[in-house]
Protein backbone atom coordinates (compact mmCIF):
# COMPACT_ATOMS: atom_id res chain seq x y z
CA MET A 1 -28.86 -30.96 7.79
CA ILE A 2 -31.81 -31.99 9.87
CA ASP A 3 -35.21 -33.41 8.99
CA GLU A 4 -38.14 -34.83 10.95
CA SER A 5 -40.16 -38.01 10.47
CA ASN A 6 -42.78 -39.95 12.45
CA ASP A 7 -42.71 -43.59 13.53
CA LEU A 8 -45.65 -45.95 14.11
CA LYS A 9 -46.12 -44.80 17.73
CA GLY A 10 -46.43 -41.17 16.65
CA ASP A 11 -43.01 -40.17 18.00
CA LYS A 12 -41.22 -37.62 15.85
CA GLN A 13 -37.62 -38.35 15.04
CA LEU A 14 -35.05 -35.73 14.18
CA ALA A 15 -32.69 -37.02 11.50
CA ILE A 16 -29.31 -35.33 11.87
CA LEU A 17 -27.20 -35.72 8.74
CA VAL A 18 -23.63 -34.74 8.02
CA ARG A 19 -22.24 -33.95 4.59
CA CYS A 20 -18.52 -34.19 3.97
CA PHE A 21 -16.20 -34.09 1.02
CA GLU A 22 -14.11 -37.16 0.32
CA SER A 23 -10.91 -35.96 -1.36
CA ILE A 24 -9.82 -39.40 -2.63
CA THR A 25 -12.97 -39.86 -4.72
CA ALA A 26 -13.70 -36.13 -5.11
CA ALA A 27 -17.28 -36.76 -4.04
CA ALA A 28 -19.61 -35.29 -1.44
CA LYS A 29 -21.04 -37.91 0.90
CA THR A 30 -24.08 -37.59 3.17
CA ARG A 31 -24.31 -39.84 6.22
CA ILE A 32 -26.74 -40.10 9.11
CA LEU A 33 -25.20 -38.90 12.36
CA ASP A 34 -28.06 -39.50 14.80
CA MET A 35 -31.85 -39.84 14.95
CA PRO A 36 -33.12 -38.79 18.38
CA ILE A 37 -36.79 -38.53 19.36
CA CYS A 38 -38.02 -34.93 19.17
CA ASN A 39 -41.69 -34.54 20.04
CA GLY A 40 -41.60 -30.75 20.22
CA GLY A 41 -41.64 -28.57 17.15
CA THR A 42 -40.30 -25.30 18.51
CA SER A 43 -36.94 -24.01 17.37
CA GLU A 44 -35.73 -24.07 20.98
CA LYS A 45 -36.72 -27.74 21.39
CA ILE A 46 -35.03 -28.72 18.10
CA PHE A 47 -31.89 -26.77 19.07
CA ASN A 48 -31.73 -28.48 22.48
CA ILE A 49 -32.18 -31.96 20.95
CA LEU A 50 -29.45 -31.22 18.37
CA ASN A 51 -27.14 -29.80 21.05
CA ASP A 52 -27.67 -32.79 23.38
CA SER A 53 -27.09 -35.22 20.52
CA LEU A 54 -23.81 -33.58 19.50
CA LYS A 55 -22.63 -33.47 23.13
CA GLY A 56 -23.49 -37.16 23.51
CA LEU A 57 -21.40 -37.94 20.43
CA GLU A 58 -18.62 -35.74 21.87
CA ILE A 59 -18.75 -33.40 18.88
CA MET A 60 -17.73 -29.87 19.79
CA TRP A 61 -19.44 -27.03 17.97
CA VAL A 62 -20.13 -23.36 18.45
CA ALA A 63 -23.58 -21.90 17.91
CA SER A 64 -23.42 -18.58 16.09
CA ASP A 65 -25.79 -15.64 16.42
CA ASN A 66 -25.19 -14.70 12.76
């Protein structure tokens, strides 16, 4: 999941959340993964910020065209 918010300086922040299932408690948990600055609103800009953030956290993922 991702969402955007603004701070006092007017910078937009892209909240990147992860949702996982915890089998011990049988509950879904949502946690914040990262919150980089994202001052562009195009889909390409958001994709690049997300991609850079995941690379920086050493999380491998594959973008799908589907």
